[in-house]
């Protein structure tokens, strides 16, 4: 008989062992623990003693890696935000690195994982918009094999994703072919650091030889059940000169797909207006880059 409030704890020595355990029972996967432990504590404080048995994969050092493979970069699921910041990576990763420096404090950045951030599936997860504009893919592994899904298809609702009960998200894949994109990230919270985002935006832009936008990818988080790409704005930006006012392309029509809510951090109306302002500021950074190149 299992005692209420007590959990079984498994710490496998290999990925194969972890996948076998995952296939045999329902388990809470534990990596950095920066989301799992606070959520458990909060639920217990409100009288919810429901617990899941724990599968601790933090000892699988082969999953803590950022490596260049054939066709893509692979970020292992135990890679921390601090690991990312310290890695030698092309400008495509600059926006994600900006987000990494604003995820909690240094202690959280040293422990929290990039993959754990997307698996928590919060609308306010800072990493998601950045990874969306990088066209990242999610690597899911089970004892039955491995599959890859686009990040835009991974989240299928509020705090929900397509990872099956027998799968572990083992990594993220980012295409080499996007190395010529510039990326940037901006967020707004009630203070500069150690705060859950009210709104955040990420952008990836590639220019042609004339300095005009050949392709743009824009994502906004914390303004819908899941972070979302602004495809109308992306199309509007095509052909614009990088050294001109890209921010002038942003208007209410471009943000029409956002569906913010009222909550303890902000009203829906405030979020919508904040998204417009933060996005304008973000695109202004690209215009400054264009002016610098022209000079």
C-alpha atoms as a PDB file:
ATOM      1  CA  UNK A   1       0.000   0.000   0.000  1.00  0.00           C
ATOM      2  CA  UNK A   2       1.272   3.444  -0.921  1.00  0.00           C
ATOM      3  CA  UNK A   3       1.191   6.112   1.787  1.00  0.00           C
ATOM      4  CA  UNK A   4      -0.573   9.345   0.757  1.00  0.00           C
ATOM      5  CA  UNK A   5       1.898  12.103  -0.007  1.00  0.00           C
ATOM      6  CA  UNK A   6       4.802   9.688  -0.542  1.00  0.00           C
ATOM      7  CA  UNK A   7       6.328   9.068  -3.947  1.00  0.00           C
ATOM      8  CA  UNK A   8       8.585   6.493  -5.525  1.00  0.00           C
ATOM      9  CA  UNK A   9      11.828   7.950  -6.833  1.00  0.00           C
ATOM     10  CA  UNK A  10      13.855   6.615  -9.757  1.00  0.00           C
ATOM     11  CA  UNK A  11      17.265   7.888 -10.895  1.00  0.00           C
ATOM     12  CA  UNK A  12      18.343   5.872 -13.942  1.00  0.00           C
ATOM     13  CA  UNK A  13      21.975   5.521 -15.000  1.00  0.00           C
ATOM     14  CA  UNK A  14      21.230   5.398 -18.741  1.00  0.00           C
ATOM     15  CA  UNK A  15      18.707   6.846 -21.157  1.00  0.00           C
ATOM     16  CA  UNK A  16      17.607   3.334 -22.091  1.00  0.00           C
ATOM     17  CA  UNK A  17      16.781   2.617 -18.459  1.00  0.00           C
ATOM     18  CA  UNK A  18      14.913   5.912 -18.198  1.00  0.00           C
ATOM     19  CA  UNK A  19      12.804   5.099 -21.254  1.00  0.00           C
ATOM     20  CA  UNK A  20      11.987   1.634 -19.923  1.00  0.00           C
ATOM     21  CA  UNK A  21      10.812   3.134 -16.635  1.00  0.00           C
ATOM     22  CA  UNK A  22       8.794   5.775 -18.472  1.00  0.00           C
ATOM     23  CA  UNK A  23       7.088   3.088 -20.556  1.00  0.00           C
ATOM     24  CA  UNK A  24       6.064   1.044 -17.543  1.00  0.00           C
ATOM     25  CA  UNK A  25       4.323   3.589 -15.320  1.00  0.00           C
ATOM     26  CA  UNK A  26       3.157   7.185 -15.063  1.00  0.00           C
ATOM     27  CA  UNK A  27       6.072   9.299 -13.872  1.00  0.00           C
ATOM     28  CA  UNK A  28       6.918  12.965 -13.353  1.00  0.00           C
ATOM     29  CA  UNK A  29      10.139  13.637 -15.291  1.00  0.00           C
ATOM     30  CA  UNK A  30      12.558  15.725 -13.227  1.00  0.00           C
ATOM     31  CA  UNK A  31      15.499  17.591 -14.790  1.00  0.00           C
ATOM     32  CA  UNK A  32      16.408  20.949 -13.216  1.00  0.00           C
ATOM     33  CA  UNK A  33      13.391  20.967 -10.892  1.00  0.00           C
ATOM     34  CA  UNK A  34      12.936  24.753 -10.991  1.00  0.00           C
ATOM     35  CA  UNK A  35       9.313  24.343 -12.113  1.00  0.00           C
ATOM     36  CA  UNK A  36       8.433  20.962 -10.602  1.00  0.00           C
ATOM     37  CA  UNK A  37       9.241  21.764  -6.976  1.00  0.00           C
ATOM     38  CA  UNK A  38       7.481  25.160  -6.767  1.00  0.00           C
ATOM     39  CA  UNK A  39       4.351  23.702  -8.409  1.00  0.00           C
ATOM     40  CA  UNK A  40       4.299  20.792  -5.950  1.00  0.00           C
ATOM     41  CA  UNK A  41       4.759  23.131  -3.005  1.00  0.00           C
ATOM     42  CA  UNK A  42       1.963  25.431  -4.180  1.00  0.00           C
ATOM     43  CA  UNK A  43      -0.461  22.557  -4.680  1.00  0.00           C
ATOM     44  CA  UNK A  44       0.331  21.122  -1.262  1.00  0.00           C
ATOM     45  CA  UNK A  45      -0.226  24.532   0.333  1.00  0.00           C
ATOM     46  CA  UNK A  46      -3.743  24.542  -1.139  1.00  0.00           C
ATOM     47  CA  UNK A  47      -4.450  21.072   0.214  1.00  0.00           C
ATOM     48  CA  UNK A  48      -3.761  19.058  -2.946  1.00  0.00           C
ATOM     49  CA  UNK A  49      -1.702  16.087  -1.752  1.00  0.00           C
ATOM     50  CA  UNK A  50      -1.788  14.326  -5.123  1.00  0.00           C
ATOM     51  CA  UNK A  51       1.700  13.324  -6.158  1.00  0.00           C
ATOM     52  CA  UNK A  52       3.311  11.448  -9.013  1.00  0.00           C
ATOM     53  CA  UNK A  53       6.271   9.113  -8.807  1.00  0.00           C
ATOM     54  CA  UNK A  54       9.473  10.806  -9.932  1.00  0.00           C
ATOM     55  CA  UNK A  55      11.843   9.944 -12.766  1.00  0.00           C
ATOM     56  CA  UNK A  56      15.009  11.967 -12.138  1.00  0.00           C
ATOM     57  CA  UNK A  57      17.061  12.153 -15.352  1.00  0.00           C
ATOM     58  CA  UNK A  58      19.537  14.729 -14.038  1.00  0.00           C
ATOM     59  CA  UNK A  59      22.339  12.158 -13.883  1.00  0.00           C
ATOM     60  CA  UNK A  60      22.295  11.451 -17.637  1.00  0.00           C
ATOM     61  CA  UNK A  61      25.262  13.645 -18.557  1.00  0.00           C
ATOM     62  CA  UNK A  62      25.050  12.754 -22.256  1.00  0.00           C
ATOM     63  CA  UNK A  63      21.837  14.803 -22.395  1.00  0.00           C
ATOM     64  CA  UNK A  64      23.615  17.969 -21.255  1.00  0.00           C
ATOM     65  CA  UNK A  65      25.137  19.037 -24.550  1.00  0.00           C
ATOM     66  CA  UNK A  66      24.980  21.633 -27.319  1.00  0.00           C
ATOM     67  CA  UNK A  67      26.445  20.115 -30.454  1.00  0.00           C
ATOM     68  CA  UNK A  68      26.571  20.719 -34.176  1.00  0.00           C
ATOM     69  CA  UNK A  69      25.317  17.678 -36.024  1.00  0.00           C
ATOM     70  CA  UNK A  70      24.614  16.999 -39.692  1.00  0.00           C
ATOM     71  CA  UNK A  71      22.052  19.598 -40.730  1.00  0.00           C
ATOM     72  CA  UNK A  72      21.262  21.045 -37.303  1.00  0.00           C
ATOM     73  CA  UNK A  73      22.350  22.090 -33.837  1.00  0.00           C
ATOM     74  CA  UNK A  74      21.132  19.823 -31.054  1.00  0.00           C
ATOM     75  CA  UNK A  75      20.406  21.153 -27.557  1.00  0.00           C
ATOM     76  CA  UNK A  76      20.177  18.246 -25.118  1.00  0.00           C
ATOM     77  CA  UNK A  77      17.350  18.257 -22.599  1.00  0.00           C
ATOM     78  CA  UNK A  78      19.638  18.802 -19.600  1.00  0.00           C
ATOM     79  CA  UNK A  79      21.303  21.869 -21.106  1.00  0.00           C
ATOM     80  CA  UNK A  80      20.856  24.783 -18.708  1.00  0.00           C
ATOM     81  CA  UNK A  81      20.327  28.449 -19.485  1.00  0.00           C
ATOM     82  CA  UNK A  82      23.863  29.152 -18.239  1.00  0.00           C
ATOM     83  CA  UNK A  83      25.251  26.465 -20.569  1.00  0.00           C
ATOM     84  CA  UNK A  84      23.567  28.226 -23.479  1.00  0.00           C
ATOM     85  CA  UNK A  85      24.875  31.673 -22.555  1.00  0.00           C
ATOM     86  CA  UNK A  86      28.439  30.324 -22.394  1.00  0.00           C
ATOM     87  CA  UNK A  87      28.281  28.408 -25.677  1.00  0.00           C
ATOM     88  CA  UNK A  88      29.933  29.602 -28.906  1.00  0.00           C
ATOM     89  CA  UNK A  89      26.937  29.852 -31.239  1.00  0.00           C
ATOM     90  CA  UNK A  90      25.987  31.924 -34.331  1.00  0.00           C
ATOM     91  CA  UNK A  91      23.836  35.107 -34.152  1.00  0.00           C
ATOM     92  CA  UNK A  92      20.737  32.959 -34.714  1.00  0.00           C
ATOM     93  CA  UNK A  93      20.958  32.124 -30.989  1.00  0.00           C
ATOM     94  CA  UNK A  94      21.416  35.710 -29.748  1.00  0.00           C
ATOM     95  CA  UNK A  95      17.721  36.215 -28.946  1.00  0.00           C
ATOM     96  CA  UNK A  96      17.553  32.971 -26.991  1.00  0.00           C
ATOM     97  CA  UNK A  97      20.670  34.018 -25.091  1.00  0.00           C
ATOM     98  CA  UNK A  98      19.000  37.327 -24.238  1.00  0.00           C
ATOM     99  CA  UNK A  99      16.050  35.394 -22.826  1.00  0.00           C
ATOM    100  CA  UNK A 100      18.407  33.080 -20.926  1.00  0.00           C
ATOM    101  CA  UNK A 101      19.886  36.012 -19.019  1.00  0.00           C
ATOM    102  CA  UNK A 102      16.414  37.037 -17.820  1.00  0.00           C
ATOM    103  CA  UNK A 103      15.068  33.649 -16.695  1.00  0.00           C
ATOM    104  CA  UNK A 104      14.986  34.074 -12.923  1.00  0.00           C
ATOM    105  CA  UNK A 105      18.276  34.744 -11.147  1.00  0.00           C
ATOM    106  CA  UNK A 106      21.671  33.178 -11.753  1.00  0.00           C
ATOM    107  CA  UNK A 107      20.834  30.234  -9.487  1.00  0.00           C
ATOM    108  CA  UNK A 108      17.800  29.410 -11.646  1.00  0.00           C
ATOM    109  CA  UNK A 109      19.820  29.864 -14.834  1.00  0.00           C
ATOM    110  CA  UNK A 110      22.450  27.452 -13.493  1.00  0.00           C
ATOM    111  CA  UNK A 111      19.858  24.790 -12.715  1.00  0.00           C
ATOM    112  CA  UNK A 112      16.854  25.325 -14.974  1.00  0.00           C
ATOM    113  CA  UNK A 113      16.850  23.691 -18.404  1.00  0.00           C
ATOM    114  CA  UNK A 114      15.723  25.082 -21.750  1.00  0.00           C
ATOM    115  CA  UNK A 115      13.717  21.937 -22.513  1.00  0.00           C
ATOM    116  CA  UNK A 116      12.097  22.009 -19.074  1.00  0.00           C
ATOM    117  CA  UNK A 117      10.929  25.539 -19.835  1.00  0.00           C
ATOM    118  CA  UNK A 118       8.983  24.409 -22.891  1.00  0.00           C
ATOM    119  CA  UNK A 119       7.717  21.228 -21.215  1.00  0.00           C
ATOM    120  CA  UNK A 120       6.209  23.277 -18.401  1.00  0.00           C
ATOM    121  CA  UNK A 121       4.134  24.789 -21.224  1.00  0.00           C
ATOM    122  CA  UNK A 122       3.410  28.088 -19.506  1.00  0.00           C
ATOM    123  CA  UNK A 123       2.141  30.866 -21.813  1.00  0.00           C
ATOM    124  CA  UNK A 124       4.750  33.045 -20.078  1.00  0.00           C
ATOM    125  CA  UNK A 125       7.718  30.726 -20.792  1.00  0.00           C
ATOM    126  CA  UNK A 126      10.410  33.100 -22.067  1.00  0.00           C
ATOM    127  CA  UNK A 127      12.165  30.495 -24.193  1.00  0.00           C
ATOM    128  CA  UNK A 128       9.177  29.566 -26.341  1.00  0.00           C
ATOM    129  CA  UNK A 129       8.888  32.697 -28.554  1.00  0.00           C
ATOM    130  CA  UNK A 130      12.638  32.625 -29.217  1.00  0.00           C
ATOM    131  CA  UNK A 131      12.595  28.957 -30.180  1.00  0.00           C
ATOM    132  CA  UNK A 132       9.502  29.508 -32.334  1.00  0.00           C
ATOM    133  CA  UNK A 133      11.233  32.149 -34.460  1.00  0.00           C
ATOM    134  CA  UNK A 134      14.237  29.820 -34.749  1.00  0.00           C
ATOM    135  CA  UNK A 135      11.882  27.177 -36.226  1.00  0.00           C
ATOM    136  CA  UNK A 136      13.076  24.780 -33.532  1.00  0.00           C
ATOM    137  CA  UNK A 137      11.970  21.157 -33.537  1.00  0.00           C
ATOM    138  CA  UNK A 138      11.354  18.960 -30.504  1.00  0.00           C
ATOM    139  CA  UNK A 139      12.977  15.529 -30.230  1.00  0.00           C
ATOM    140  CA  UNK A 140      10.830  13.002 -28.347  1.00  0.00           C
ATOM    141  CA  UNK A 141      12.205   9.589 -27.370  1.00  0.00           C
ATOM    142  CA  UNK A 142      10.574   6.418 -26.079  1.00  0.00           C
ATOM    143  CA  UNK A 143      11.403   2.742 -25.890  1.00  0.00           C
ATOM    144  CA  UNK A 144       9.475   2.425 -29.184  1.00  0.00           C
ATOM    145  CA  UNK A 145      11.734   4.856 -31.029  1.00  0.00           C
ATOM    146  CA  UNK A 146      12.149   8.564 -31.663  1.00  0.00           C
ATOM    147  CA  UNK A 147      10.078  11.229 -33.387  1.00  0.00           C
ATOM    148  CA  UNK A 148      10.513  14.926 -34.129  1.00  0.00           C
ATOM    149  CA  UNK A 149       7.764  17.573 -34.128  1.00  0.00           C
ATOM    150  CA  UNK A 150       7.865  21.290 -34.861  1.00  0.00           C
ATOM    151  CA  UNK A 151       7.777  23.421 -31.726  1.00  0.00           C
ATOM    152  CA  UNK A 152       4.741  25.246 -33.116  1.00  0.00           C
ATOM    153  CA  UNK A 153       2.921  21.872 -33.050  1.00  0.00           C
ATOM    154  CA  UNK A 154       4.341  20.741 -29.698  1.00  0.00           C
ATOM    155  CA  UNK A 155       2.129  22.973 -27.552  1.00  0.00           C
ATOM    156  CA  UNK A 156      -1.522  22.178 -28.158  1.00  0.00           C
ATOM    157  CA  UNK A 157      -3.202  24.279 -25.457  1.00  0.00           C
ATOM    158  CA  UNK A 158      -2.786  25.990 -22.104  1.00  0.00           C
ATOM    159  CA  UNK A 159      -0.039  24.120 -20.209  1.00  0.00           C
ATOM    160  CA  UNK A 160      -0.501  21.213 -22.601  1.00  0.00           C
ATOM    161  CA  UNK A 161       1.740  19.509 -25.132  1.00  0.00           C
ATOM    162  CA  UNK A 162       1.894  16.421 -27.325  1.00  0.00           C
ATOM    163  CA  UNK A 163       4.527  14.491 -25.356  1.00  0.00           C
ATOM    164  CA  UNK A 164       3.069  11.051 -24.669  1.00  0.00           C
ATOM    165  CA  UNK A 165       3.129   9.307 -21.299  1.00  0.00           C
ATOM    166  CA  UNK A 166       5.905   6.957 -22.426  1.00  0.00           C
ATOM    167  CA  UNK A 167       8.070   9.682 -24.017  1.00  0.00           C
ATOM    168  CA  UNK A 168      10.812  11.988 -22.775  1.00  0.00           C
ATOM    169  CA  UNK A 169      11.720  15.193 -24.588  1.00  0.00           C
ATOM    170  CA  UNK A 170      15.415  14.530 -25.135  1.00  0.00           C
ATOM    171  CA  UNK A 171      16.413  17.607 -27.127  1.00  0.00           C
ATOM    172  CA  UNK A 172      15.753  20.543 -29.424  1.00  0.00           C
ATOM    173  CA  UNK A 173      16.931  20.792 -33.031  1.00  0.00           C
ATOM    174  CA  UNK A 174      17.746  24.033 -34.860  1.00  0.00           C
ATOM    175  CA  UNK A 175      18.547  24.029 -38.589  1.00  0.00           C
ATOM    176  CA  UNK A 176      22.030  25.128 -39.758  1.00  0.00           C
ATOM    177  CA  UNK A 177      20.406  26.763 -42.760  1.00  0.00           C
ATOM    178  CA  UNK A 178      19.057  29.573 -40.580  1.00  0.00           C
ATOM    179  CA  UNK A 179      22.480  30.791 -39.428  1.00  0.00           C
ATOM    180  CA  UNK A 180      22.115  34.019 -41.424  1.00  0.00           C
ATOM    181  CA  UNK A 181      19.137  35.164 -39.323  1.00  0.00           C
ATOM    182  CA  UNK A 182      19.545  37.860 -36.679  1.00  0.00           C
ATOM    183  CA  UNK A 183      17.430  37.306 -33.572  1.00  0.00           C
ATOM    184  CA  UNK A 184      16.367  39.515 -30.682  1.00  0.00           C
ATOM    185  CA  UNK A 185      14.180  39.140 -27.551  1.00  0.00           C
ATOM    186  CA  UNK A 186      12.385  41.595 -25.269  1.00  0.00           C
ATOM    187  CA  UNK A 187      10.131  41.113 -22.273  1.00  0.00           C
ATOM    188  CA  UNK A 188       8.076  43.256 -19.945  1.00  0.00           C
ATOM    189  CA  UNK A 189       7.506  42.430 -16.302  1.00  0.00           C
ATOM    190  CA  UNK A 190       6.747  44.300 -13.118  1.00  0.00           C
ATOM    191  CA  UNK A 191      10.503  44.642 -12.606  1.00  0.00           C
ATOM    192  CA  UNK A 192      13.701  43.901 -14.575  1.00  0.00           C
ATOM    193  CA  UNK A 193      14.591  40.451 -13.238  1.00  0.00           C
ATOM    194  CA  UNK A 194      13.135  37.598 -11.148  1.00  0.00           C
ATOM    195  CA  UNK A 195       9.672  38.118 -12.582  1.00  0.00           C
ATOM    196  CA  UNK A 196       7.101  36.280 -14.684  1.00  0.00           C
ATOM    197  CA  UNK A 197       6.604  38.069 -17.995  1.00  0.00           C
ATOM    198  CA  UNK A 198       3.542  40.212 -18.648  1.00  0.00           C
ATOM    199  CA  UNK A 199       4.428  40.061 -22.329  1.00  0.00           C
ATOM    200  CA  UNK A 200       7.489  39.021 -24.323  1.00  0.00           C
ATOM    201  CA  UNK A 201       8.399  39.143 -27.979  1.00  0.00           C
ATOM    202  CA  UNK A 202      11.023  37.510 -30.173  1.00  0.00           C
ATOM    203  CA  UNK A 203      12.006  38.169 -33.765  1.00  0.00           C
ATOM    204  CA  UNK A 204      14.266  36.581 -36.364  1.00  0.00           C
ATOM    205  CA  UNK A 205      15.068  38.525 -39.522  1.00  0.00           C
ATOM    206  CA  UNK A 206      17.104  37.632 -42.598  1.00  0.00           C
ATOM    207  CA  UNK A 207      18.032  40.294 -45.149  1.00  0.00           C
ATOM    208  CA  UNK A 208      18.986  40.143 -48.812  1.00  0.00           C
ATOM    209  CA  UNK A 209      22.056  41.681 -50.424  1.00  0.00           C
ATOM    210  CA  UNK A 210      20.285  45.041 -50.659  1.00  0.00           C
ATOM    211  CA  UNK A 211      19.631  45.153 -46.916  1.00  0.00           C
ATOM    212  CA  UNK A 212      15.899  44.483 -47.223  1.00  0.00           C
ATOM    213  CA  UNK A 213      13.931  41.959 -45.199  1.00  0.00           C
ATOM    214  CA  UNK A 214      13.879  38.652 -47.090  1.00  0.00           C
ATOM    215  CA  UNK A 215      12.165  36.751 -44.289  1.00  0.00           C
ATOM    216  CA  UNK A 216      10.818  37.700 -40.869  1.00  0.00           C
ATOM    217  CA  UNK A 217       9.555  35.577 -38.013  1.00  0.00           C
ATOM    218  CA  UNK A 218       7.785  37.221 -35.077  1.00  0.00           C
ATOM    219  CA  UNK A 219       6.392  35.566 -31.952  1.00  0.00           C
ATOM    220  CA  UNK A 220       4.589  36.964 -28.897  1.00  0.00           C
ATOM    221  CA  UNK A 221       4.203  35.164 -25.588  1.00  0.00           C
ATOM    222  CA  UNK A 222       1.981  35.619 -22.536  1.00  0.00           C
ATOM    223  CA  UNK A 223      -0.812  37.026 -24.730  1.00  0.00           C
ATOM    224  CA  UNK A 224      -2.538  33.751 -25.678  1.00  0.00           C
ATOM    225  CA  UNK A 225      -2.877  30.221 -24.319  1.00  0.00           C
ATOM    226  CA  UNK A 226       0.362  29.436 -26.146  1.00  0.00           C
ATOM    227  CA  UNK A 227       2.974  31.718 -27.680  1.00  0.00           C
ATOM    228  CA  UNK A 228       2.005  32.547 -31.248  1.00  0.00           C
ATOM    229  CA  UNK A 229       3.628  33.645 -34.484  1.00  0.00           C
ATOM    230  CA  UNK A 230       2.328  36.885 -36.038  1.00  0.00           C
ATOM    231  CA  UNK A 231       2.200  35.703 -39.636  1.00  0.00           C
ATOM    232  CA  UNK A 232       0.412  38.801 -40.955  1.00  0.00           C
ATOM    233  CA  UNK A 233       3.146  41.059 -39.597  1.00  0.00           C
ATOM    234  CA  UNK A 234       5.801  38.703 -40.953  1.00  0.00           C
ATOM    235  CA  UNK A 235       4.401  39.133 -44.457  1.00  0.00           C
ATOM    236  CA  UNK A 236       4.103  42.914 -44.010  1.00  0.00           C
ATOM    237  CA  UNK A 237       7.791  43.199 -43.112  1.00  0.00           C
ATOM    238  CA  UNK A 238       8.990  41.453 -46.274  1.00  0.00           C
ATOM    239  CA  UNK A 239      10.795  43.861 -48.559  1.00  0.00           C
ATOM    240  CA  UNK A 240      11.172  46.567 -45.914  1.00  0.00           C
ATOM    241  CA  UNK A 241      14.591  48.141 -45.612  1.00  0.00           C
ATOM    242  CA  UNK A 242      16.344  47.228 -42.385  1.00  0.00           C
ATOM    243  CA  UNK A 243      17.636  50.764 -41.936  1.00  0.00           C
ATOM    244  CA  UNK A 244      14.126  52.212 -42.050  1.00  0.00           C
ATOM    245  CA  UNK A 245      11.477  52.279 -39.329  1.00  0.00           C
ATOM    246  CA  UNK A 246      10.389  48.639 -39.120  1.00  0.00           C
ATOM    247  CA  UNK A 247       8.447  49.541 -35.987  1.00  0.00           C
ATOM    248  CA  UNK A 248       6.025  51.581 -38.107  1.00  0.00           C
ATOM    249  CA  UNK A 249       4.678  48.321 -39.546  1.00  0.00           C
ATOM    250  CA  UNK A 250       3.120  47.370 -36.190  1.00  0.00           C
ATOM    251  CA  UNK A 251      -0.553  48.253 -35.682  1.00  0.00           C
ATOM    252  CA  UNK A 252      -3.666  46.756 -34.119  1.00  0.00           C
ATOM    253  CA  UNK A 253      -4.433  44.762 -37.264  1.00  0.00           C
ATOM    254  CA  UNK A 254      -1.092  42.977 -37.004  1.00  0.00           C
ATOM    255  CA  UNK A 255      -1.886  41.968 -33.404  1.00  0.00           C
ATOM    256  CA  UNK A 256      -5.473  40.854 -34.021  1.00  0.00           C
ATOM    257  CA  UNK A 257      -4.703  37.154 -33.437  1.00  0.00           C
ATOM    258  CA  UNK A 258      -3.540  37.731 -29.850  1.00  0.00           C
ATOM    259  CA  UNK A 259      -5.990  36.701 -27.130  1.00  0.00           C
ATOM    260  CA  UNK A 260      -4.656  38.031 -23.811  1.00  0.00           C
ATOM    261  CA  UNK A 261      -6.514  37.504 -20.541  1.00  0.00           C
ATOM    262  CA  UNK A 262      -6.989  39.427 -17.305  1.00  0.00           C
ATOM    263  CA  UNK A 263      -4.959  37.978 -14.446  1.00  0.00           C
ATOM    264  CA  UNK A 264      -3.044  39.023 -11.345  1.00  0.00           C
ATOM    265  CA  UNK A 265      -0.186  40.491 -13.409  1.00  0.00           C
ATOM    266  CA  UNK A 266      -2.095  42.564 -15.964  1.00  0.00           C
ATOM    267  CA  UNK A 267      -5.407  43.169 -17.702  1.00  0.00           C
ATOM    268  CA  UNK A 268      -6.021  41.921 -21.227  1.00  0.00           C
ATOM    269  CA  UNK A 269      -6.181  45.504 -22.519  1.00  0.00           C
ATOM    270  CA  UNK A 270      -2.856  46.372 -20.903  1.00  0.00           C
ATOM    271  CA  UNK A 271      -1.233  43.245 -22.328  1.00  0.00           C
ATOM    272  CA  UNK A 272      -2.433  44.062 -25.842  1.00  0.00           C
ATOM    273  CA  UNK A 273      -1.063  47.590 -25.668  1.00  0.00           C
ATOM    274  CA  UNK A 274       2.154  46.389 -24.023  1.00  0.00           C
ATOM    275  CA  UNK A 275       2.658  43.828 -26.803  1.00  0.00           C
ATOM    276  CA  UNK A 276       2.381  46.618 -29.391  1.00  0.00           C
ATOM    277  CA  UNK A 277       4.914  48.836 -27.585  1.00  0.00           C
ATOM    278  CA  UNK A 278       7.409  46.066 -26.785  1.00  0.00           C
ATOM    279  CA  UNK A 279       7.231  44.750 -30.333  1.00  0.00           C
ATOM    280  CA  UNK A 280       7.876  48.229 -31.738  1.00  0.00           C
ATOM    281  CA  UNK A 281      10.898  48.556 -29.446  1.00  0.00           C
ATOM    282  CA  UNK A 282      12.151  45.150 -30.556  1.00  0.00           C
ATOM    283  CA  UNK A 283      11.895  45.978 -34.272  1.00  0.00           C
ATOM    284  CA  UNK A 284      13.598  49.314 -33.643  1.00  0.00           C
ATOM    285  CA  UNK A 285      16.682  47.343 -32.586  1.00  0.00           C
ATOM    286  CA  UNK A 286      16.851  45.795 -36.046  1.00  0.00           C
ATOM    287  CA  UNK A 287      16.547  49.242 -37.642  1.00  0.00           C
ATOM    288  CA  UNK A 288      19.504  50.417 -35.559  1.00  0.00           C
ATOM    289  CA  UNK A 289      21.477  47.409 -36.783  1.00  0.00           C
ATOM    290  CA  UNK A 290      20.623  48.378 -40.355  1.00  0.00           C
ATOM    291  CA  UNK A 291      21.723  51.972 -39.788  1.00  0.00           C
ATOM    292  CA  UNK A 292      24.975  50.720 -38.294  1.00  0.00           C
ATOM    293  CA  UNK A 293      25.676  48.596 -41.341  1.00  0.00           C
ATOM    294  CA  UNK A 294      24.899  51.483 -43.679  1.00  0.00           C
ATOM    295  CA  UNK A 295      27.369  53.676 -41.829  1.00  0.00           C
END
